[in-house]
């Protein structure tokens, strides 16, 4: 029987990404790190809520953070995180285009 621990870890990370704010954070951090304050301003999410999301993403290895004085900076743990995010976005775009084509053909 195959060891299923990798599948469980994969599912755990996917669960951590199953929130629109966390997906937005990945999109924001695609190019460079941002401070907590910058993320707060960009997302418009309440402070405690953003803190919880970042904590989950850090715990699951999606993000890493560093402290500089009183500021905390967050960035993607690997460019591959954004690559996976981007591939899923492309799959969604294809799906939308197919749906539009189906609707167009109904008329």
Protein backbone atom coordinates (compact mmCIF):
# COMPACT_ATOMS: atom_id res chain seq x y z
CA UNK A 1 0.00 0.00 0.00
CA UNK A 2 1.23 3.46 -0.95
CA UNK A 3 2.16 5.99 1.75
CA UNK A 4 -0.58 8.61 1.69
CA UNK A 5 1.17 11.26 3.79
CA UNK A 6 2.11 13.34 0.73
CA UNK A 7 -1.53 13.40 -0.38
CA UNK A 8 -2.59 14.51 3.09
CA UNK A 9 0.03 17.28 3.13
CA UNK A 10 -1.08 18.40 -0.34
CA UNK A 11 -4.71 18.53 0.78
CA UNK A 12 -3.71 20.46 3.89
CA UNK A 13 -2.00 23.14 1.81
CA UNK A 14 -4.95 23.29 -0.58
CA UNK A 15 -7.31 23.79 2.37
CA UNK A 16 -5.13 26.67 3.51
CA UNK A 17 -5.61 28.27 0.08
CA UNK A 18 -9.36 27.80 0.08
CA UNK A 19 -10.18 31.40 0.95
CA UNK A 20 -10.44 34.36 -1.41
CA UNK A 21 -8.38 36.64 0.85
CA UNK A 22 -5.50 34.16 0.90
CA UNK A 23 -5.64 33.87 -2.87
CA UNK A 24 -5.60 37.67 -3.09
CA UNK A 25 -2.54 37.73 -0.82
CA UNK A 26 -0.71 35.36 -3.17
CA UNK A 27 -1.56 37.63 -6.08
CA UNK A 28 -0.31 40.69 -4.17
CA UNK A 29 2.95 39.00 -3.17
CA UNK A 30 3.74 37.60 -6.63
CA UNK A 31 6.43 40.20 -7.36
CA UNK A 32 7.88 41.18 -4.00
CA UNK A 33 7.45 41.11 -0.27
CA UNK A 34 5.08 43.49 1.46
CA UNK A 35 4.81 44.69 5.02
CA UNK A 36 1.79 43.84 7.13
CA UNK A 37 0.70 47.47 6.87
CA UNK A 38 0.93 47.43 3.07
CA UNK A 39 -1.11 44.22 2.91
CA UNK A 40 -3.64 45.76 5.28
CA UNK A 41 -4.02 48.80 3.04
CA UNK A 42 -4.21 46.82 -0.22
CA UNK A 43 -6.68 44.17 0.96
CA UNK A 44 -8.86 46.38 3.15
CA UNK A 45 -9.29 43.43 5.50
CA UNK A 46 -9.60 44.07 9.26
CA UNK A 47 -6.26 43.82 11.07
CA UNK A 48 -7.10 40.73 13.14
CA UNK A 49 -8.57 38.94 10.13
CA UNK A 50 -5.48 39.61 7.99
CA UNK A 51 -3.26 38.46 10.83
CA UNK A 52 -5.12 35.15 11.01
CA UNK A 53 -4.86 34.57 7.27
CA UNK A 54 -1.14 35.34 7.22
CA UNK A 55 -0.59 33.07 10.21
CA UNK A 56 -2.28 30.13 8.47
CA UNK A 57 -0.28 30.75 5.29
CA UNK A 58 2.97 30.92 7.27
CA UNK A 59 2.16 27.73 9.21
CA UNK A 60 1.46 25.82 5.99
CA UNK A 61 4.68 26.99 4.35
CA UNK A 62 2.99 29.14 1.71
CA UNK A 63 4.55 32.34 3.04
CA UNK A 64 7.63 33.27 4.98
CA UNK A 65 8.10 36.40 7.02
CA UNK A 66 10.91 38.49 8.43
CA UNK A 67 10.99 41.24 11.01
CA UNK A 68 12.71 44.56 10.55
CA UNK A 69 12.33 46.61 13.69
CA UNK A 70 8.62 46.73 14.40
CA UNK A 71 7.64 45.86 10.83
CA UNK A 72 6.90 42.35 9.62
CA UNK A 73 7.38 41.59 5.93
CA UNK A 74 5.74 38.68 4.15
CA UNK A 75 6.65 36.99 0.89
CA UNK A 76 5.91 33.77 -0.96
CA UNK A 77 8.02 30.88 0.28
CA UNK A 78 8.84 29.95 -3.32
CA UNK A 79 8.07 31.26 -6.83
CA UNK A 80 6.42 27.87 -7.38
CA UNK A 81 3.57 28.97 -5.10
CA UNK A 82 2.68 31.69 -7.61
CA UNK A 83 3.22 29.31 -10.54
CA UNK A 84 0.65 26.90 -9.08
CA UNK A 85 -1.71 29.82 -8.39
CA UNK A 86 -1.26 31.10 -11.97
CA UNK A 87 -1.90 27.67 -13.52
CA UNK A 88 -5.17 27.36 -11.62
CA UNK A 89 -6.12 30.87 -12.72
CA UNK A 90 -5.53 29.82 -16.35
CA UNK A 91 -7.73 26.74 -15.89
CA UNK A 92 -10.48 29.01 -14.55
CA UNK A 93 -10.12 31.38 -17.51
CA UNK A 94 -10.48 28.45 -19.91
CA UNK A 95 -13.60 27.34 -18.08
CA UNK A 96 -15.11 30.84 -18.30
CA UNK A 97 -14.36 31.02 -22.02
CA UNK A 98 -16.01 27.63 -22.60
CA UNK A 99 -19.07 28.74 -20.65
CA UNK A 100 -19.26 31.95 -22.68
CA UNK A 101 -19.02 29.92 -25.89
CA UNK A 102 -21.83 27.61 -24.73
CA UNK A 103 -24.04 30.59 -23.92
CA UNK A 104 -23.23 32.19 -27.25
CA UNK A 105 -24.24 29.01 -29.09
CA UNK A 106 -27.59 28.85 -27.27
CA UNK A 107 -28.84 32.06 -28.90
